[in-house]
Amino acid sequence: MLIKCARTVEDTVRQDSGGTTAAYKTKIRQLYVNLKDKHNLSLREAVQSGEIPASKFARMSSQVR
């Protein structure tokens, strides 16, 4: 399930960025950092469980709301 989620995130970002551009690389790094953040455990759990769909996660901003 996690591999499918990762592929969906990557495919969505690639499509939104028009390929593997600098914007694509920046967005992938941003998403990775947000998932690894110790203060963001609920985000990681929500993405892993499917509560936040992978395609929605791929389009989320890094801003706190």
PDB file of N, CA and C in Angstrom:
ATOM      1  N   MET A   1       0.819  -1.197   0.000  1.00  0.00           N
ATOM      2  CA  MET A   1       0.000   0.000   0.000  1.00  0.00           C
ATOM      3  C   MET A   1       0.864   1.264   0.000  1.00  0.00           C
ATOM      4  N   LEU A   2       1.966   1.263   0.762  1.00  0.00           N
ATOM      5  CA  LEU A   2       2.815   2.450   0.807  1.00  0.00           C
ATOM      6  C   LEU A   2       3.495   2.719  -0.527  1.00  0.00           C
ATOM      7  N   ILE A   3       3.874   1.672  -1.225  1.00  0.00           N
ATOM      8  CA  ILE A   3       4.518   1.865  -2.528  1.00  0.00           C
ATOM      9  C   ILE A   3       3.519   2.467  -3.510  1.00  0.00           C
ATOM     10  N   LYS A   4       2.290   1.993  -3.480  1.00  0.00           N
ATOM     11  CA  LYS A   4       1.260   2.558  -4.353  1.00  0.00           C
ATOM     12  C   LYS A   4       1.029   4.027  -4.018  1.00  0.00           C
ATOM     13  N   CYS A   5       0.997   4.353  -2.744  1.00  0.00           N
ATOM     14  CA  CYS A   5       0.821   5.732  -2.292  1.00  0.00           C
ATOM     15  C   CYS A   5       1.981   6.602  -2.791  1.00  0.00           C
ATOM     16  N   ALA A   6       3.198   6.120  -2.637  1.00  0.00           N
ATOM     17  CA  ALA A   6       4.378   6.864  -3.077  1.00  0.00           C
ATOM     18  C   ALA A   6       4.351   7.096  -4.585  1.00  0.00           C
ATOM     19  N   ARG A   7       3.956   6.089  -5.328  1.00  0.00           N
ATOM     20  CA  ARG A   7       3.876   6.232  -6.790  1.00  0.00           C
ATOM     21  C   ARG A   7       2.818   7.255  -7.186  1.00  0.00           C
ATOM     22  N   THR A   8       1.697   7.230  -6.491  1.00  0.00           N
ATOM     23  CA  THR A   8       0.632   8.193  -6.784  1.00  0.00           C
ATOM     24  C   THR A   8       1.094   9.609  -6.489  1.00  0.00           C
ATOM     25  N   VAL A   9       1.773   9.797  -5.354  1.00  0.00           N
ATOM     26  CA  VAL A   9       2.305  11.121  -5.011  1.00  0.00           C
ATOM     27  C   VAL A   9       3.273  11.577  -6.090  1.00  0.00           C
ATOM     28  N   GLU A  10       4.219  10.727  -6.445  1.00  0.00           N
ATOM     29  CA  GLU A  10       5.217  11.093  -7.442  1.00  0.00           C
ATOM     30  C   GLU A  10       4.586  11.388  -8.803  1.00  0.00           C
ATOM     31  N   ASP A  11       3.667  10.544  -9.230  1.00  0.00           N
ATOM     32  CA  ASP A  11       2.999  10.758 -10.517  1.00  0.00           C
ATOM     33  C   ASP A  11       2.207  12.063 -10.530  1.00  0.00           C
ATOM     34  N   THR A  12       1.520  12.357  -9.436  1.00  0.00           N
ATOM     35  CA  THR A  12       0.724  13.582  -9.349  1.00  0.00           C
ATOM     36  C   THR A  12       1.620  14.820  -9.408  1.00  0.00           C
ATOM     37  N   VAL A  13       2.705  14.795  -8.644  1.00  0.00           N
ATOM     38  CA  VAL A  13       3.624  15.944  -8.649  1.00  0.00           C
ATOM     39  C   VAL A  13       4.272  16.097 -10.019  1.00  0.00           C
ATOM     40  N   ARG A  14       4.663  14.990 -10.642  1.00  0.00           N
ATOM     41  CA  ARG A  14       5.287  15.049 -11.969  1.00  0.00           C
ATOM     42  C   ARG A  14       4.316  15.640 -12.985  1.00  0.00           C
ATOM     43  N   GLN A  15       3.080  15.210 -12.941  1.00  0.00           N
ATOM     44  CA  GLN A  15       2.069  15.713 -13.874  1.00  0.00           C
ATOM     45  C   GLN A  15       1.801  17.199 -13.633  1.00  0.00           C
ATOM     46  N   ASP A  16       1.666  17.597 -12.373  1.00  0.00           N
ATOM     47  CA  ASP A  16       1.401  18.999 -12.043  1.00  0.00           C
ATOM     48  C   ASP A  16       2.585  19.906 -12.389  1.00  0.00           C
ATOM     49  N   SER A  17       3.795  19.347 -12.356  1.00  0.00           N
ATOM     50  CA  SER A  17       5.007  20.135 -12.607  1.00  0.00           C
ATOM     51  C   SER A  17       5.441  20.111 -14.061  1.00  0.00           C
ATOM     52  N   GLY A  18       4.794  19.320 -14.863  1.00  0.00           N
ATOM     53  CA  GLY A  18       5.171  19.226 -16.269  1.00  0.00           C
ATOM     54  C   GLY A  18       6.425  18.407 -16.497  1.00  0.00           C
ATOM     55  N   GLY A  19       6.640  17.413 -15.677  1.00  0.00           N
ATOM     56  CA  GLY A  19       7.818  16.551 -15.815  1.00  0.00           C
ATOM     57  C   GLY A  19       8.729  16.683 -14.610  1.00  0.00           C
ATOM     58  N   THR A  20       9.924  16.153 -14.745  1.00  0.00           N
ATOM     59  CA  THR A  20      10.874  16.199 -13.638  1.00  0.00           C
ATOM     60  C   THR A  20      11.690  17.490 -13.699  1.00  0.00           C
ATOM     61  N   THR A  21      11.000  18.564 -13.462  1.00  0.00           N
ATOM     62  CA  THR A  21      11.584  19.900 -13.494  1.00  0.00           C
ATOM     63  C   THR A  21      12.120  20.279 -12.113  1.00  0.00           C
ATOM     64  N   ALA A  22      12.661  21.468 -12.014  1.00  0.00           N
ATOM     65  CA  ALA A  22      13.127  21.969 -10.723  1.00  0.00           C
ATOM     66  C   ALA A  22      11.952  22.089  -9.744  1.00  0.00           C
ATOM     67  N   ALA A  23      10.779  22.483 -10.253  1.00  0.00           N
ATOM     68  CA  ALA A  23       9.589  22.589  -9.402  1.00  0.00           C
ATOM     69  C   ALA A  23       9.191  21.216  -8.860  1.00  0.00           C
ATOM     70  N   TYR A  24       9.322  20.195  -9.687  1.00  0.00           N
ATOM     71  CA  TYR A  24       9.033  18.818  -9.265  1.00  0.00           C
ATOM     72  C   TYR A  24       9.960  18.414  -8.123  1.00  0.00           C
ATOM     73  N   LYS A  25      11.236  18.649  -8.298  1.00  0.00           N
ATOM     74  CA  LYS A  25      12.222  18.267  -7.278  1.00  0.00           C
ATOM     75  C   LYS A  25      11.993  19.010  -5.976  1.00  0.00           C
ATOM     76  N   THR A  26      11.673  20.284  -6.071  1.00  0.00           N
ATOM     77  CA  THR A  26      11.408  21.086  -4.878  1.00  0.00           C
ATOM     78  C   THR A  26      10.184  20.566  -4.140  1.00  0.00           C
ATOM     79  N   LYS A  27       9.124  20.265  -4.872  1.00  0.00           N
ATOM     80  CA  LYS A  27       7.887  19.783  -4.247  1.00  0.00           C
ATOM     81  C   LYS A  27       8.089  18.420  -3.594  1.00  0.00           C
ATOM     82  N   ILE A  28       8.805  17.522  -4.253  1.00  0.00           N
ATOM     83  CA  ILE A  28       9.069  16.200  -3.672  1.00  0.00           C
ATOM     84  C   ILE A  28       9.866  16.345  -2.376  1.00  0.00           C
ATOM     85  N   ARG A  29      10.884  17.211  -2.375  1.00  0.00           N
ATOM     86  CA  ARG A  29      11.670  17.453  -1.153  1.00  0.00           C
ATOM     87  C   ARG A  29      10.789  18.010  -0.040  1.00  0.00           C
ATOM     88  N   GLN A  30       9.917  18.953  -0.386  1.00  0.00           N
ATOM     89  CA  GLN A  30       9.026  19.563   0.597  1.00  0.00           C
ATOM     90  C   GLN A  30       8.115  18.499   1.227  1.00  0.00           C
ATOM     91  N   LEU A  31       7.539  17.652   0.408  1.00  0.00           N
ATOM     92  CA  LEU A  31       6.649  16.606   0.916  1.00  0.00           C
ATOM     93  C   LEU A  31       7.414  15.628   1.805  1.00  0.00           C
ATOM     94  N   TYR A  32       8.609  15.260   1.389  1.00  0.00           N
ATOM     95  CA  TYR A  32       9.444  14.339   2.163  1.00  0.00           C
ATOM     96  C   TYR A  32       9.758  14.922   3.540  1.00  0.00           C
ATOM     97  N   VAL A  33      10.181  16.177   3.562  1.00  0.00           N
ATOM     98  CA  VAL A  33      10.525  16.823   4.832  1.00  0.00           C
ATOM     99  C   VAL A  33       9.298  16.882   5.745  1.00  0.00           C
ATOM    100  N   ASN A  34       8.141  17.187   5.196  1.00  0.00           N
ATOM    101  CA  ASN A  34       6.931  17.239   6.013  1.00  0.00           C
ATOM    102  C   ASN A  34       6.556  15.869   6.573  1.00  0.00           C
ATOM    103  N   LEU A  35       6.774  14.821   5.816  1.00  0.00           N
ATOM    104  CA  LEU A  35       6.471  13.477   6.323  1.00  0.00           C
ATOM    105  C   LEU A  35       7.452  13.041   7.396  1.00  0.00           C
ATOM    106  N   LYS A  36       8.690  13.467   7.288  1.00  0.00           N
ATOM    107  CA  LYS A  36       9.724  13.059   8.247  1.00  0.00           C
ATOM    108  C   LYS A  36       9.742  13.905   9.517  1.00  0.00           C
ATOM    109  N   ASP A  37       9.044  15.030   9.519  1.00  0.00           N
ATOM    110  CA  ASP A  37       9.040  15.937  10.662  1.00  0.00           C
ATOM    111  C   ASP A  37       8.435  15.250  11.891  1.00  0.00           C
ATOM    112  N   LYS A  38       9.183  15.240  12.994  1.00  0.00           N
ATOM    113  CA  LYS A  38       8.720  14.592  14.225  1.00  0.00           C
ATOM    114  C   LYS A  38       7.479  15.272  14.801  1.00  0.00           C
ATOM    115  N   HIS A  39       7.264  16.520  14.446  1.00  0.00           N
ATOM    116  CA  HIS A  39       6.108  17.251  14.940  1.00  0.00           C
ATOM    117  C   HIS A  39       4.884  17.070  14.038  1.00  0.00           C
ATOM    118  N   ASN A  40       5.027  16.257  13.012  1.00  0.00           N
ATOM    119  CA  ASN A  40       3.970  16.062  12.021  1.00  0.00           C
ATOM    120  C   ASN A  40       3.512  14.603  11.957  1.00  0.00           C
ATOM    121  N   LEU A  41       3.542  13.921  13.086  1.00  0.00           N
ATOM    122  CA  LEU A  41       3.196  12.496  13.097  1.00  0.00           C
ATOM    123  C   LEU A  41       1.770  12.249  12.594  1.00  0.00           C
ATOM    124  N   SER A  42       0.859  13.145  12.909  1.00  0.00           N
ATOM    125  CA  SER A  42      -0.530  12.937  12.477  1.00  0.00           C
ATOM    126  C   SER A  42      -0.651  13.000  10.957  1.00  0.00           C
ATOM    127  N   LEU A  43       0.164  13.843  10.307  1.00  0.00           N
ATOM    128  CA  LEU A  43       0.156  13.903   8.846  1.00  0.00           C
ATOM    129  C   LEU A  43       0.629  12.574   8.272  1.00  0.00           C
ATOM    130  N   ARG A  44       1.742  12.072   8.777  1.00  0.00           N
ATOM    131  CA  ARG A  44       2.284  10.799   8.290  1.00  0.00           C
ATOM    132  C   ARG A  44       1.260   9.678   8.460  1.00  0.00           C
ATOM    133  N   GLU A  45       0.644   9.613   9.621  1.00  0.00           N
ATOM    134  CA  GLU A  45      -0.346   8.566   9.883  1.00  0.00           C
ATOM    135  C   GLU A  45      -1.562   8.701   8.964  1.00  0.00           C
ATOM    136  N   ALA A  46      -1.995   9.937   8.726  1.00  0.00           N
ATOM    137  CA  ALA A  46      -3.159  10.158   7.866  1.00  0.00           C
ATOM    138  C   ALA A  46      -2.879   9.755   6.420  1.00  0.00           C
ATOM    139  N   VAL A  47      -1.663  10.015   5.951  1.00  0.00           N
ATOM    140  CA  VAL A  47      -1.303   9.624   4.585  1.00  0.00           C
ATOM    141  C   VAL A  47      -1.170   8.104   4.504  1.00  0.00           C
ATOM    142  N   GLN A  48      -0.525   7.498   5.490  1.00  0.00           N
ATOM    143  CA  GLN A  48      -0.338   6.044   5.487  1.00  0.00           C
ATOM    144  C   GLN A  48      -1.666   5.298   5.548  1.00  0.00           C
ATOM    145  N   SER A  49      -2.597   5.805   6.332  1.00  0.00           N
ATOM    146  CA  SER A  49      -3.889   5.119   6.497  1.00  0.00           C
ATOM    147  C   SER A  49      -4.836   5.347   5.327  1.00  0.00           C
ATOM    148  N   GLY A  50      -4.538   6.358   4.504  1.00  0.00           N
ATOM    149  CA  GLY A  50      -5.425   6.682   3.402  1.00  0.00           C
ATOM    150  C   GLY A  50      -6.458   7.729   3.761  1.00  0.00           C
ATOM    151  N   GLU A  51      -6.423   8.206   5.011  1.00  0.00           N
ATOM    152  CA  GLU A  51      -7.342   9.261   5.434  1.00  0.00           C
ATOM    153  C   GLU A  51      -7.144  10.503   4.556  1.00  0.00           C
ATOM    154  N   ILE A  52      -5.890  10.800   4.230  1.00  0.00           N
ATOM    155  CA  ILE A  52      -5.562  11.835   3.250  1.00  0.00           C
ATOM    156  C   ILE A  52      -5.115  11.100   1.995  1.00  0.00           C
ATOM    157  N   PRO A  53      -5.884  11.169   0.925  1.00  0.00           N
ATOM    158  CA  PRO A  53      -5.495  10.481  -0.310  1.00  0.00           C
ATOM    159  C   PRO A  53      -4.143  10.995  -0.827  1.00  0.00           C
ATOM    160  N   ALA A  54      -3.388  10.118  -1.448  1.00  0.00           N
ATOM    161  CA  ALA A  54      -2.053  10.455  -1.942  1.00  0.00           C
ATOM    162  C   ALA A  54      -2.084  11.626  -2.912  1.00  0.00           C
ATOM    163  N   SER A  55      -3.089  11.662  -3.784  1.00  0.00           N
ATOM    164  CA  SER A  55      -3.169  12.756  -4.751  1.00  0.00           C
ATOM    165  C   SER A  55      -3.448  14.090  -4.060  1.00  0.00           C
ATOM    166  N   LYS A  56      -4.216  14.078  -2.990  1.00  0.00           N
ATOM    167  CA  LYS A  56      -4.473  15.310  -2.230  1.00  0.00           C
ATOM    168  C   LYS A  56      -3.210  15.728  -1.481  1.00  0.00           C
ATOM    169  N   PHE A  57      -2.517  14.776  -0.870  1.00  0.00           N
ATOM    170  CA  PHE A  57      -1.269  15.074  -0.165  1.00  0.00           C
ATOM    171  C   PHE A  57      -0.252  15.699  -1.114  1.00  0.00           C
ATOM    172  N   ALA A  58      -0.168  15.187  -2.330  1.00  0.00           N
ATOM    173  CA  ALA A  58       0.792  15.688  -3.316  1.00  0.00           C
ATOM    174  C   ALA A  58       0.542  17.150  -3.664  1.00  0.00           C
ATOM    175  N   ARG A  59      -0.677  17.620  -3.463  1.00  0.00           N
ATOM    176  CA  ARG A  59      -1.025  19.003  -3.825  1.00  0.00           C
ATOM    177  C   ARG A  59      -1.140  19.925  -2.606  1.00  0.00           C
ATOM    178  N   MET A  60      -0.852  19.402  -1.436  1.00  0.00           N
ATOM    179  CA  MET A  60      -0.936  20.215  -0.218  1.00  0.00           C
ATOM    180  C   MET A  60       0.250  21.167  -0.137  1.00  0.00           C
ATOM    181  N   SER A  61       0.022  22.311   0.494  1.00  0.00           N
ATOM    182  CA  SER A  61       1.121  23.251   0.727  1.00  0.00           C
ATOM    183  C   SER A  61       1.803  22.878   2.041  1.00  0.00           C
ATOM    184  N   SER A  62       2.934  23.480   2.281  1.00  0.00           N
ATOM    185  CA  SER A  62       3.662  23.193   3.523  1.00  0.00           C
ATOM    186  C   SER A  62       3.258  24.135   4.652  1.00  0.00           C
ATOM    187  N   GLN A  63       2.313  25.007   4.402  1.00  0.00           N
ATOM    188  CA  GLN A  63       1.894  25.966   5.408  1.00  0.00           C
ATOM    189  C   GLN A  63       0.989  25.316   6.451  1.00  0.00           C
ATOM    190  N   VAL A  64       1.172  25.751   7.687  1.00  0.00           N
ATOM    191  CA  VAL A  64       0.349  25.271   8.790  1.00  0.00           C
ATOM    192  C   VAL A  64      -0.972  26.013   8.748  1.00  0.00           C
ATOM    193  N   ARG A  65      -2.039  25.271   8.934  1.00  0.00           N
ATOM    194  CA  ARG A  65      -3.378  25.885   8.926  1.00  0.00           C
ATOM    195  C   ARG A  65      -4.067  25.644  10.225  1.00  0.00           C
TER     196      ARG A  65
END
